[in-house]
PDB file of all heavy atoms in Angstrom:
ATOM      1  N   ALA A   1      -1.076  12.687   2.176  1.00  0.00           N
ATOM      2  CA  ALA A   1      -0.506  11.425   2.648  1.00  0.00           C
ATOM      3  C   ALA A   1      -1.611  10.511   3.167  1.00  0.00           C
ATOM      4  O   ALA A   1      -1.616   9.304   2.897  1.00  0.00           O
ATOM      5  CB  ALA A   1       0.533  11.689   3.723  1.00  0.00           C
ATOM      6  N   ASN A   2      -2.560  11.076   3.889  1.00  0.00           N
ATOM      7  CA  ASN A   2      -3.686  10.299   4.395  1.00  0.00           C
ATOM      8  C   ASN A   2      -4.530   9.754   3.247  1.00  0.00           C
ATOM      9  O   ASN A   2      -4.946   8.596   3.264  1.00  0.00           O
ATOM     10  CB  ASN A   2      -4.544  11.158   5.328  1.00  0.00           C
ATOM     11  CG  ASN A   2      -5.621  10.365   6.009  1.00  0.00           C
ATOM     12  OD1 ASN A   2      -5.385   9.261   6.481  1.00  0.00           O
ATOM     13  ND2 ASN A   2      -6.822  10.921   6.055  1.00  0.00           N
ATOM     14  N   LYS A   3      -4.763  10.576   2.238  1.00  0.00           N
ATOM     15  CA  LYS A   3      -5.525  10.135   1.067  1.00  0.00           C
ATOM     16  C   LYS A   3      -4.780   9.029   0.315  1.00  0.00           C
ATOM     17  O   LYS A   3      -5.401   8.092  -0.194  1.00  0.00           O
ATOM     18  CB  LYS A   3      -5.812  11.304   0.139  1.00  0.00           C
ATOM     19  CG  LYS A   3      -6.823  12.273   0.694  1.00  0.00           C
ATOM     20  CD  LYS A   3      -7.052  13.435  -0.260  1.00  0.00           C
ATOM     21  CE  LYS A   3      -8.042  14.443   0.283  1.00  0.00           C
ATOM     22  NZ  LYS A   3      -8.242  15.572  -0.640  1.00  0.00           N
ATOM     23  N   MET A   4      -3.455   9.141   0.244  1.00  0.00           N
ATOM     24  CA  MET A   4      -2.645   8.098  -0.393  1.00  0.00           C
ATOM     25  C   MET A   4      -2.798   6.780   0.356  1.00  0.00           C
ATOM     26  O   MET A   4      -2.929   5.717  -0.258  1.00  0.00           O
ATOM     27  CB  MET A   4      -1.166   8.493  -0.428  1.00  0.00           C
ATOM     28  CG  MET A   4      -0.829   9.559  -1.428  1.00  0.00           C
ATOM     29  SD  MET A   4       0.885  10.105  -1.315  1.00  0.00           S
ATOM     30  CE  MET A   4       1.784   8.633  -1.748  1.00  0.00           C
ATOM     31  N   GLU A   5      -2.764   6.845   1.680  1.00  0.00           N
ATOM     32  CA  GLU A   5      -2.908   5.652   2.503  1.00  0.00           C
ATOM     33  C   GLU A   5      -4.253   4.977   2.241  1.00  0.00           C
ATOM     34  O   GLU A   5      -4.309   3.761   2.051  1.00  0.00           O
ATOM     35  CB  GLU A   5      -2.772   6.020   3.972  1.00  0.00           C
ATOM     36  CG  GLU A   5      -2.926   4.853   4.927  1.00  0.00           C
ATOM     37  CD  GLU A   5      -2.702   5.271   6.359  1.00  0.00           C
ATOM     38  OE1 GLU A   5      -1.565   5.625   6.702  1.00  0.00           O
ATOM     39  OE2 GLU A   5      -3.680   5.251   7.128  1.00  0.00           O
ATOM     40  N   LEU A   6      -5.315   5.757   2.225  1.00  0.00           N
ATOM     41  CA  LEU A   6      -6.653   5.208   1.976  1.00  0.00           C
ATOM     42  C   LEU A   6      -6.754   4.586   0.582  1.00  0.00           C
ATOM     43  O   LEU A   6      -7.309   3.496   0.412  1.00  0.00           O
ATOM     44  CB  LEU A   6      -7.712   6.290   2.151  1.00  0.00           C
ATOM     45  CG  LEU A   6      -7.916   6.804   3.574  1.00  0.00           C
ATOM     46  CD1 LEU A   6      -8.864   8.000   3.571  1.00  0.00           C
ATOM     47  CD2 LEU A   6      -8.439   5.710   4.476  1.00  0.00           C
ATOM     48  N   ALA A   7      -6.218   5.279  -0.411  1.00  0.00           N
ATOM     49  CA  ALA A   7      -6.273   4.772  -1.784  1.00  0.00           C
ATOM     50  C   ALA A   7      -5.473   3.485  -1.930  1.00  0.00           C
ATOM     51  O   ALA A   7      -5.934   2.526  -2.556  1.00  0.00           O
ATOM     52  CB  ALA A   7      -5.758   5.834  -2.747  1.00  0.00           C
ATOM     53  N   ALA A   8      -4.275   3.449  -1.351  1.00  0.00           N
ATOM     54  CA  ALA A   8      -3.416   2.267  -1.447  1.00  0.00           C
ATOM     55  C   ALA A   8      -4.057   1.073  -0.748  1.00  0.00           C
ATOM     56  O   ALA A   8      -3.947  -0.067  -1.215  1.00  0.00           O
ATOM     57  CB  ALA A   8      -2.044   2.557  -0.852  1.00  0.00           C
ATOM     58  N   SER A   9      -4.748   1.315   0.359  1.00  0.00           N
ATOM     59  CA  SER A   9      -5.391   0.236   1.117  1.00  0.00           C
ATOM     60  C   SER A   9      -6.487  -0.459   0.321  1.00  0.00           C
ATOM     61  O   SER A   9      -6.805  -1.610   0.583  1.00  0.00           O
ATOM     62  CB  SER A   9      -5.989   0.783   2.409  1.00  0.00           C
ATOM     63  OG  SER A   9      -4.981   1.258   3.258  1.00  0.00           O
ATOM     64  N   LYS A  10      -7.062   0.241  -0.659  1.00  0.00           N
ATOM     65  CA  LYS A  10      -8.163  -0.313  -1.447  1.00  0.00           C
ATOM     66  C   LYS A  10      -7.701  -1.110  -2.666  1.00  0.00           C
ATOM     67  O   LYS A  10      -8.506  -1.742  -3.332  1.00  0.00           O
ATOM     68  CB  LYS A  10      -9.093   0.814  -1.895  1.00  0.00           C
ATOM     69  CG  LYS A  10      -9.807   1.468  -0.731  1.00  0.00           C
ATOM     70  CD  LYS A  10     -10.685   2.600  -1.193  1.00  0.00           C
ATOM     71  CE  LYS A  10     -11.351   3.294  -0.007  1.00  0.00           C
ATOM     72  NZ  LYS A  10     -12.189   4.415  -0.443  1.00  0.00           N
ATOM     73  N   VAL A  11      -6.408  -1.075  -2.967  1.00  0.00           N
ATOM     74  CA  VAL A  11      -5.878  -1.789  -4.135  1.00  0.00           C
ATOM     75  C   VAL A  11      -5.931  -3.297  -3.885  1.00  0.00           C
ATOM     76  O   VAL A  11      -5.562  -3.769  -2.802  1.00  0.00           O
ATOM     77  CB  VAL A  11      -4.432  -1.340  -4.445  1.00  0.00           C
ATOM     78  CG1 VAL A  11      -3.805  -2.203  -5.519  1.00  0.00           C
ATOM     79  CG2 VAL A  11      -4.418   0.120  -4.855  1.00  0.00           C
ATOM     80  N   ILE A  12      -6.394  -4.030  -4.882  1.00  0.00           N
ATOM     81  CA  ILE A  12      -6.449  -5.493  -4.780  1.00  0.00           C
ATOM     82  C   ILE A  12      -5.017  -6.025  -4.642  1.00  0.00           C
ATOM     83  O   ILE A  12      -4.130  -5.657  -5.412  1.00  0.00           O
ATOM     84  CB  ILE A  12      -7.135  -6.100  -6.007  1.00  0.00           C
ATOM     85  CG1 ILE A  12      -8.595  -5.662  -6.050  1.00  0.00           C
ATOM     86  CG2 ILE A  12      -7.026  -7.627  -6.011  1.00  0.00           C
ATOM     87  CD1 ILE A  12      -9.331  -6.032  -7.310  1.00  0.00           C
ATOM     88  N   GLY A  13      -4.810  -6.867  -3.638  1.00  0.00           N
ATOM     89  CA  GLY A  13      -3.489  -7.422  -3.362  1.00  0.00           C
ATOM     90  C   GLY A  13      -2.824  -6.785  -2.157  1.00  0.00           C
ATOM     91  O   GLY A  13      -1.829  -7.275  -1.653  1.00  0.00           O
ATOM     92  N   VAL A  14      -3.389  -5.662  -1.675  1.00  0.00           N
ATOM     93  CA  VAL A  14      -2.857  -4.986  -0.490  1.00  0.00           C
ATOM     94  C   VAL A  14      -3.699  -5.388   0.715  1.00  0.00           C
ATOM     95  O   VAL A  14      -4.907  -5.169   0.743  1.00  0.00           O
ATOM     96  CB  VAL A  14      -2.887  -3.450  -0.653  1.00  0.00           C
ATOM     97  CG1 VAL A  14      -2.456  -2.758   0.630  1.00  0.00           C
ATOM     98  CG2 VAL A  14      -1.997  -3.022  -1.808  1.00  0.00           C
ATOM     99  N   ALA A  15      -3.049  -5.998   1.707  1.00  0.00           N
ATOM    100  CA  ALA A  15      -3.737  -6.367   2.944  1.00  0.00           C
ATOM    101  C   ALA A  15      -3.830  -5.159   3.866  1.00  0.00           C
ATOM    102  O   ALA A  15      -4.835  -4.959   4.534  1.00  0.00           O
ATOM    103  CB  ALA A  15      -3.014  -7.514   3.636  1.00  0.00           C
ATOM    104  N   ASN A  16      -2.769  -4.350   3.881  1.00  0.00           N
ATOM    105  CA  ASN A  16      -2.734  -3.168   4.735  1.00  0.00           C
ATOM    106  C   ASN A  16      -1.699  -2.190   4.183  1.00  0.00           C
ATOM    107  O   ASN A  16      -0.651  -2.599   3.694  1.00  0.00           O
ATOM    108  CB  ASN A  16      -2.365  -3.564   6.169  1.00  0.00           C
ATOM    109  CG  ASN A  16      -2.479  -2.409   7.135  1.00  0.00           C
ATOM    110  OD1 ASN A  16      -3.263  -1.497   6.934  1.00  0.00           O
ATOM    111  ND2 ASN A  16      -1.675  -2.442   8.180  1.00  0.00           N
ATOM    112  N   ALA A  17      -2.010  -0.906   4.280  1.00  0.00           N
ATOM    113  CA  ALA A  17      -1.059   0.134   3.869  1.00  0.00           C
ATOM    114  C   ALA A  17      -1.083   1.235   4.919  1.00  0.00           C
ATOM    115  O   ALA A  17      -2.145   1.592   5.415  1.00  0.00           O
ATOM    116  CB  ALA A  17      -1.422   0.697   2.506  1.00  0.00           C
ATOM    117  N   SER A  18       0.097   1.745   5.258  1.00  0.00           N
ATOM    118  CA  SER A  18       0.160   2.872   6.187  1.00  0.00           C
ATOM    119  C   SER A  18       1.237   3.834   5.705  1.00  0.00           C
ATOM    120  O   SER A  18       2.289   3.420   5.218  1.00  0.00           O
ATOM    121  CB  SER A  18       0.444   2.401   7.612  1.00  0.00           C
ATOM    122  OG  SER A  18       1.707   1.801   7.701  1.00  0.00           O
ATOM    123  N   VAL A  19       0.939   5.125   5.842  1.00  0.00           N
ATOM    124  CA  VAL A  19       1.847   6.174   5.400  1.00  0.00           C
ATOM    125  C   VAL A  19       2.293   6.984   6.596  1.00  0.00           C
ATOM    126  O   VAL A  19       1.471   7.388   7.419  1.00  0.00           O
ATOM    127  CB  VAL A  19       1.172   7.090   4.357  1.00  0.00           C
ATOM    128  CG1 VAL A  19       2.047   8.290   4.034  1.00  0.00           C
ATOM    129  CG2 VAL A  19       0.855   6.315   3.091  1.00  0.00           C
ATOM    130  N   ASN A  20       3.589   7.212   6.702  1.00  0.00           N
ATOM    131  CA  ASN A  20       4.135   8.088   7.731  1.00  0.00           C
ATOM    132  C   ASN A  20       4.609   9.352   7.020  1.00  0.00           C
ATOM    133  O   ASN A  20       5.642   9.338   6.339  1.00  0.00           O
ATOM    134  CB  ASN A  20       5.284   7.402   8.468  1.00  0.00           C
ATOM    135  CG  ASN A  20       5.789   8.230   9.620  1.00  0.00           C
ATOM    136  OD1 ASN A  20       5.942   9.445   9.525  1.00  0.00           O
ATOM    137  ND2 ASN A  20       6.068   7.559  10.729  1.00  0.00           N
ATOM    138  N   PHE A  21       3.842  10.428   7.166  1.00  0.00           N
ATOM    139  CA  PHE A  21       4.159  11.676   6.480  1.00  0.00           C
ATOM    140  C   PHE A  21       5.485  12.259   6.946  1.00  0.00           C
ATOM    141  O   PHE A  21       6.262  12.773   6.140  1.00  0.00           O
ATOM    142  CB  PHE A  21       3.030  12.688   6.684  1.00  0.00           C
ATOM    143  CG  PHE A  21       3.331  14.048   6.111  1.00  0.00           C
ATOM    144  CD1 PHE A  21       3.444  14.227   4.748  1.00  0.00           C
ATOM    145  CD2 PHE A  21       3.516  15.137   6.944  1.00  0.00           C
ATOM    146  CE1 PHE A  21       3.731  15.477   4.212  1.00  0.00           C
ATOM    147  CE2 PHE A  21       3.804  16.388   6.418  1.00  0.00           C
ATOM    148  CZ  PHE A  21       3.912  16.559   5.048  1.00  0.00           C
ATOM    149  N   MET A  22       5.760  12.190   8.229  1.00  0.00           N
ATOM    150  CA  MET A  22       6.991  12.782   8.764  1.00  0.00           C
ATOM    151  C   MET A  22       8.248  12.087   8.220  1.00  0.00           C
ATOM    152  O   MET A  22       9.254  12.736   7.964  1.00  0.00           O
ATOM    153  CB  MET A  22       6.989  12.735  10.295  1.00  0.00           C
ATOM    154  CG  MET A  22       5.878  13.575  10.909  1.00  0.00           C
ATOM    155  SD  MET A  22       5.950  15.316  10.454  1.00  0.00           S
ATOM    156  CE  MET A  22       7.410  15.819  11.331  1.00  0.00           C
ATOM    157  N   LEU A  23       8.187  10.780   8.059  1.00  0.00           N
ATOM    158  CA  LEU A  23       9.330  10.022   7.548  1.00  0.00           C
ATOM    159  C   LEU A  23       9.299   9.851   6.030  1.00  0.00           C
ATOM    160  O   LEU A  23      10.271   9.357   5.446  1.00  0.00           O
ATOM    161  CB  LEU A  23       9.388   8.639   8.205  1.00  0.00           C
ATOM    162  CG  LEU A  23       9.607   8.624   9.709  1.00  0.00           C
ATOM    163  CD1 LEU A  23       9.562   7.185  10.229  1.00  0.00           C
ATOM    164  CD2 LEU A  23      10.926   9.281  10.082  1.00  0.00           C
ATOM    165  N   LEU A  24       8.162  10.231   5.407  1.00  0.00           N
ATOM    166  CA  LEU A  24       7.957  10.049   3.964  1.00  0.00           C
ATOM    167  C   LEU A  24       8.172   8.589   3.558  1.00  0.00           C
ATOM    168  O   LEU A  24       8.924   8.261   2.644  1.00  0.00           O
ATOM    169  CB  LEU A  24       8.857  10.989   3.156  1.00  0.00           C
ATOM    170  CG  LEU A  24       8.541  12.470   3.302  1.00  0.00           C
ATOM    171  CD1 LEU A  24       9.544  13.310   2.530  1.00  0.00           C
ATOM    172  CD2 LEU A  24       7.122  12.783   2.833  1.00  0.00           C
ATOM    173  N   LYS A  25       7.454   7.715   4.276  1.00  0.00           N
ATOM    174  CA  LYS A  25       7.530   6.274   4.018  1.00  0.00           C
ATOM    175  C   LYS A  25       6.125   5.684   3.956  1.00  0.00           C
ATOM    176  O   LYS A  25       5.215   6.135   4.649  1.00  0.00           O
ATOM    177  CB  LYS A  25       8.283   5.564   5.145  1.00  0.00           C
ATOM    178  CG  LYS A  25       9.677   6.071   5.379  1.00  0.00           C
ATOM    179  CD  LYS A  25      10.680   5.131   4.863  1.00  0.00           C
ATOM    180  CE  LYS A  25      12.069   5.664   5.221  1.00  0.00           C
ATOM    181  NZ  LYS A  25      13.049   5.234   4.330  1.00  0.00           N
ATOM    182  N   MET A  26       5.983   4.678   3.108  1.00  0.00           N
ATOM    183  CA  MET A  26       4.740   3.912   3.026  1.00  0.00           C
ATOM    184  C   MET A  26       5.079   2.453   3.289  1.00  0.00           C
ATOM    185  O   MET A  26       5.954   1.887   2.630  1.00  0.00           O
ATOM    186  CB  MET A  26       4.099   4.036   1.643  1.00  0.00           C
ATOM    187  CG  MET A  26       2.853   3.180   1.475  1.00  0.00           C
ATOM    188  SD  MET A  26       2.182   3.185  -0.204  1.00  0.00           S
ATOM    189  CE  MET A  26       1.411   4.786  -0.236  1.00  0.00           C
ATOM    190  N   LYS A  27       4.384   1.861   4.255  1.00  0.00           N
ATOM    191  CA  LYS A  27       4.532   0.439   4.536  1.00  0.00           C
ATOM    192  C   LYS A  27       3.351  -0.280   3.913  1.00  0.00           C
ATOM    193  O   LYS A  27       2.204   0.110   4.126  1.00  0.00           O
ATOM    194  CB  LYS A  27       4.564   0.173   6.043  1.00  0.00           C
ATOM    195  CG  LYS A  27       5.821   0.661   6.707  1.00  0.00           C
ATOM    196  CD  LYS A  27       5.847   0.285   8.161  1.00  0.00           C
ATOM    197  CE  LYS A  27       7.122   0.822   8.799  1.00  0.00           C
ATOM    198  NZ  LYS A  27       7.180   0.500  10.223  1.00  0.00           N
ATOM    199  N   VAL A  28       3.650  -1.308   3.142  1.00  0.00           N
ATOM    200  CA  VAL A  28       2.610  -2.075   2.460  1.00  0.00           C
ATOM    201  C   VAL A  28       2.739  -3.536   2.861  1.00  0.00           C
ATOM    202  O   VAL A  28       3.817  -4.112   2.773  1.00  0.00           O
ATOM    203  CB  VAL A  28       2.728  -1.940   0.922  1.00  0.00           C
ATOM    204  CG1 VAL A  28       1.661  -2.770   0.226  1.00  0.00           C
ATOM    205  CG2 VAL A  28       2.638  -0.483   0.503  1.00  0.00           C
ATOM    206  N   GLU A  29       1.617  -4.094   3.310  1.00  0.00           N
ATOM    207  CA  GLU A  29       1.549  -5.523   3.590  1.00  0.00           C
ATOM    208  C   GLU A  29       0.731  -6.152   2.471  1.00  0.00           C
ATOM    209  O   GLU A  29      -0.412  -5.745   2.223  1.00  0.00           O
ATOM    210  CB  GLU A  29       0.887  -5.783   4.938  1.00  0.00           C
ATOM    211  CG  GLU A  29       0.832  -7.242   5.300  1.00  0.00           C
ATOM    212  CD  GLU A  29       0.204  -7.486   6.668  1.00  0.00           C
ATOM    213  OE1 GLU A  29      -0.062  -6.515   7.391  1.00  0.00           O
ATOM    214  OE2 GLU A  29      -0.030  -8.654   6.976  1.00  0.00           O
ATOM    215  N   PHE A  30       1.327  -7.104   1.790  1.00  0.00           N
ATOM    216  CA  PHE A  30       0.684  -7.738   0.640  1.00  0.00           C
ATOM    217  C   PHE A  30      -0.127  -8.957   1.065  1.00  0.00           C
ATOM    218  O   PHE A  30       0.246  -9.653   2.019  1.00  0.00           O
ATOM    219  CB  PHE A  30       1.735  -8.164  -0.393  1.00  0.00           C
ATOM    220  CG  PHE A  30       2.527  -7.023  -0.943  1.00  0.00           C
ATOM    221  CD1 PHE A  30       3.751  -6.677  -0.406  1.00  0.00           C
ATOM    222  CD2 PHE A  30       2.038  -6.273  -1.993  1.00  0.00           C
ATOM    223  CE1 PHE A  30       4.479  -5.610  -0.906  1.00  0.00           C
ATOM    224  CE2 PHE A  30       2.759  -5.203  -2.506  1.00  0.00           C
ATOM    225  CZ  PHE A  30       3.985  -4.881  -1.955  1.00  0.00           C
ATOM    226  N   GLU A  31      -1.220  -9.212   0.350  1.00  0.00           N
ATOM    227  CA  GLU A  31      -1.998 -10.423   0.566  1.00  0.00           C
ATOM    228  C   GLU A  31      -1.180 -11.613   0.079  1.00  0.00           C
ATOM    229  O   GLU A  31      -0.321 -11.477  -0.797  1.00  0.00           O
ATOM    230  CB  GLU A  31      -3.323 -10.345  -0.192  1.00  0.00           C
ATOM    231  CG  GLU A  31      -4.248  -9.280   0.339  1.00  0.00           C
ATOM    232  CD  GLU A  31      -5.527  -9.140  -0.467  1.00  0.00           C
ATOM    233  OE1 GLU A  31      -5.656  -9.782  -1.529  1.00  0.00           O
ATOM    234  OE2 GLU A  31      -6.399  -8.374  -0.027  1.00  0.00           O
ATOM    235  N   ASP A  32      -1.455 -12.788   0.639  1.00  0.00           N
ATOM    236  CA  ASP A  32      -0.753 -13.999   0.230  1.00  0.00           C
ATOM    237  C   ASP A  32      -0.949 -14.254  -1.256  1.00  0.00           C
ATOM    238  O   ASP A  32      -2.070 -14.178  -1.767  1.00  0.00           O
ATOM    239  CB  ASP A  32      -1.252 -15.206   1.021  1.00  0.00           C
ATOM    240  CG  ASP A  32      -0.869 -15.140   2.493  1.00  0.00           C
ATOM    241  OD1 ASP A  32       0.118 -14.464   2.819  1.00  0.00           O
ATOM    242  OD2 ASP A  32      -1.567 -15.780   3.311  1.00  0.00           O
ATOM    243  N   GLY A  33       0.140 -14.524  -1.953  1.00  0.00           N
ATOM    244  CA  GLY A  33       0.094 -14.840  -3.374  1.00  0.00           C
ATOM    245  C   GLY A  33       0.013 -13.639  -4.300  1.00  0.00           C
ATOM    246  O   GLY A  33      -0.053 -13.806  -5.512  1.00  0.00           O
ATOM    247  N   ALA A  34       0.017 -12.436  -3.748  1.00  0.00           N
ATOM    248  CA  ALA A  34      -0.076 -11.226  -4.585  1.00  0.00           C
ATOM    249  C   ALA A  34       1.250 -10.988  -5.308  1.00  0.00           C
ATOM    250  O   ALA A  34       2.319 -11.221  -4.759  1.00  0.00           O
ATOM    251  CB  ALA A  34      -0.429 -10.015  -3.732  1.00  0.00           C
ATOM    252  N   ASP A  35       1.159 -10.535  -6.542  1.00  0.00           N
ATOM    253  CA  ASP A  35       2.337 -10.168  -7.326  1.00  0.00           C
ATOM    254  C   ASP A  35       2.765  -8.760  -6.901  1.00  0.00           C
ATOM    255  O   ASP A  35       2.121  -7.768  -7.252  1.00  0.00           O
ATOM    256  CB  ASP A  35       2.004 -10.201  -8.809  1.00  0.00           C
ATOM    257  CG  ASP A  35       3.173  -9.799  -9.702  1.00  0.00           C
ATOM    258  OD1 ASP A  35       4.294  -9.588  -9.194  1.00  0.00           O
ATOM    259  OD2 ASP A  35       2.947  -9.685 -10.920  1.00  0.00           O
ATOM    260  N   GLU A  36       3.832  -8.681  -6.141  1.00  0.00           N
ATOM    261  CA  GLU A  36       4.282  -7.418  -5.544  1.00  0.00           C
ATOM    262  C   GLU A  36       4.473  -6.310  -6.572  1.00  0.00           C
ATOM    263  O   GLU A  36       4.006  -5.184  -6.373  1.00  0.00           O
ATOM    264  CB  GLU A  36       5.592  -7.664  -4.790  1.00  0.00           C
ATOM    265  CG  GLU A  36       6.234  -6.431  -4.247  1.00  0.00           C
ATOM    266  CD  GLU A  36       7.653  -6.680  -3.769  1.00  0.00           C
ATOM    267  OE1 GLU A  36       7.985  -7.809  -3.392  1.00  0.00           O
ATOM    268  OE2 GLU A  36       8.441  -5.721  -3.805  1.00  0.00           O
ATOM    269  N   LYS A  37       5.117  -6.608  -7.674  1.00  0.00           N
ATOM    270  CA  LYS A  37       5.386  -5.579  -8.687  1.00  0.00           C
ATOM    271  C   LYS A  37       4.103  -5.058  -9.318  1.00  0.00           C
ATOM    272  O   LYS A  37       3.941  -3.858  -9.498  1.00  0.00           O
ATOM    273  CB  LYS A  37       6.336  -6.123  -9.751  1.00  0.00           C
ATOM    274  CG  LYS A  37       7.746  -6.311  -9.244  1.00  0.00           C
ATOM    275  CD  LYS A  37       8.674  -6.795 -10.323  1.00  0.00           C
ATOM    276  CE  LYS A  37      10.065  -6.998  -9.747  1.00  0.00           C
ATOM    277  NZ  LYS A  37      11.011  -7.391 -10.768  1.00  0.00           N
ATOM    278  N   ALA A  38       3.194  -5.948  -9.658  1.00  0.00           N
ATOM    279  CA  ALA A  38       1.927  -5.534 -10.271  1.00  0.00           C
ATOM    280  C   ALA A  38       1.087  -4.727  -9.284  1.00  0.00           C
ATOM    281  O   ALA A  38       0.497  -3.710  -9.658  1.00  0.00           O
ATOM    282  CB  ALA A  38       1.153  -6.763 -10.745  1.00  0.00           C
ATOM    283  N   VAL A  39       1.063  -5.156  -8.034  1.00  0.00           N
ATOM    284  CA  VAL A  39       0.298  -4.441  -7.007  1.00  0.00           C
ATOM    285  C   VAL A  39       0.873  -3.046  -6.806  1.00  0.00           C
ATOM    286  O   VAL A  39       0.135  -2.056  -6.739  1.00  0.00           O
ATOM    287  CB  VAL A  39       0.282  -5.234  -5.676  1.00  0.00           C
ATOM    288  CG1 VAL A  39      -0.301  -4.401  -4.547  1.00  0.00           C
ATOM    289  CG2 VAL A  39      -0.500  -6.532  -5.830  1.00  0.00           C
ATOM    290  N   MET A  40       2.184  -2.930  -6.736  1.00  0.00           N
ATOM    291  CA  MET A  40       2.799  -1.624  -6.495  1.00  0.00           C
ATOM    292  C   MET A  40       2.629  -0.681  -7.680  1.00  0.00           C
ATOM    293  O   MET A  40       2.533   0.530  -7.493  1.00  0.00           O
ATOM    294  CB  MET A  40       4.271  -1.772  -6.120  1.00  0.00           C
ATOM    295  CG  MET A  40       4.476  -2.280  -4.701  1.00  0.00           C
ATOM    296  SD  MET A  40       3.547  -1.372  -3.439  1.00  0.00           S
ATOM    297  CE  MET A  40       4.246   0.258  -3.559  1.00  0.00           C
ATOM    298  N   LYS A  41       2.562  -1.209  -8.889  1.00  0.00           N
ATOM    299  CA  LYS A  41       2.273  -0.357 -10.044  1.00  0.00           C
ATOM    300  C   LYS A  41       0.885   0.261  -9.898  1.00  0.00           C
ATOM    301  O   LYS A  41       0.684   1.435 -10.194  1.00  0.00           O
ATOM    302  CB  LYS A  41       2.359  -1.155 -11.350  1.00  0.00           C
ATOM    303  CG  LYS A  41       3.766  -1.394 -11.809  1.00  0.00           C
ATOM    304  CD  LYS A  41       3.797  -2.106 -13.134  1.00  0.00           C
ATOM    305  CE  LYS A  41       5.209  -2.381 -13.563  1.00  0.00           C
ATOM    306  NZ  LYS A  41       5.253  -3.072 -14.850  1.00  0.00           N
ATOM    307  N   GLU A  42      -0.067  -0.532  -9.425  1.00  0.00           N
ATOM    308  CA  GLU A  42      -1.423  -0.028  -9.220  1.00  0.00           C
ATOM    309  C   GLU A  42      -1.467   0.953  -8.051  1.00  0.00           C
ATOM    310  O   GLU A  42      -2.154   1.975  -8.122  1.00  0.00           O
ATOM    311  CB  GLU A  42      -2.390  -1.195  -8.982  1.00  0.00           C
ATOM    312  CG  GLU A  42      -3.834  -0.787  -8.957  1.00  0.00           C
ATOM    313  CD  GLU A  42      -4.342  -0.204 -10.268  1.00  0.00           C
ATOM    314  OE1 GLU A  42      -3.794  -0.520 -11.338  1.00  0.00           O
ATOM    315  OE2 GLU A  42      -5.298   0.592 -10.216  1.00  0.00           O
TER     316      GLU A  42
END
């Protein structure tokens, strides 16, 4: 989960990513103007 968080944070279009292993949730904050669907595919 920690490795996923680090990898997701490096994707272009992601301003911030955080993973909560206990809740099995990932919160993603997108950069302004980023295409959400394309970013999430990456």
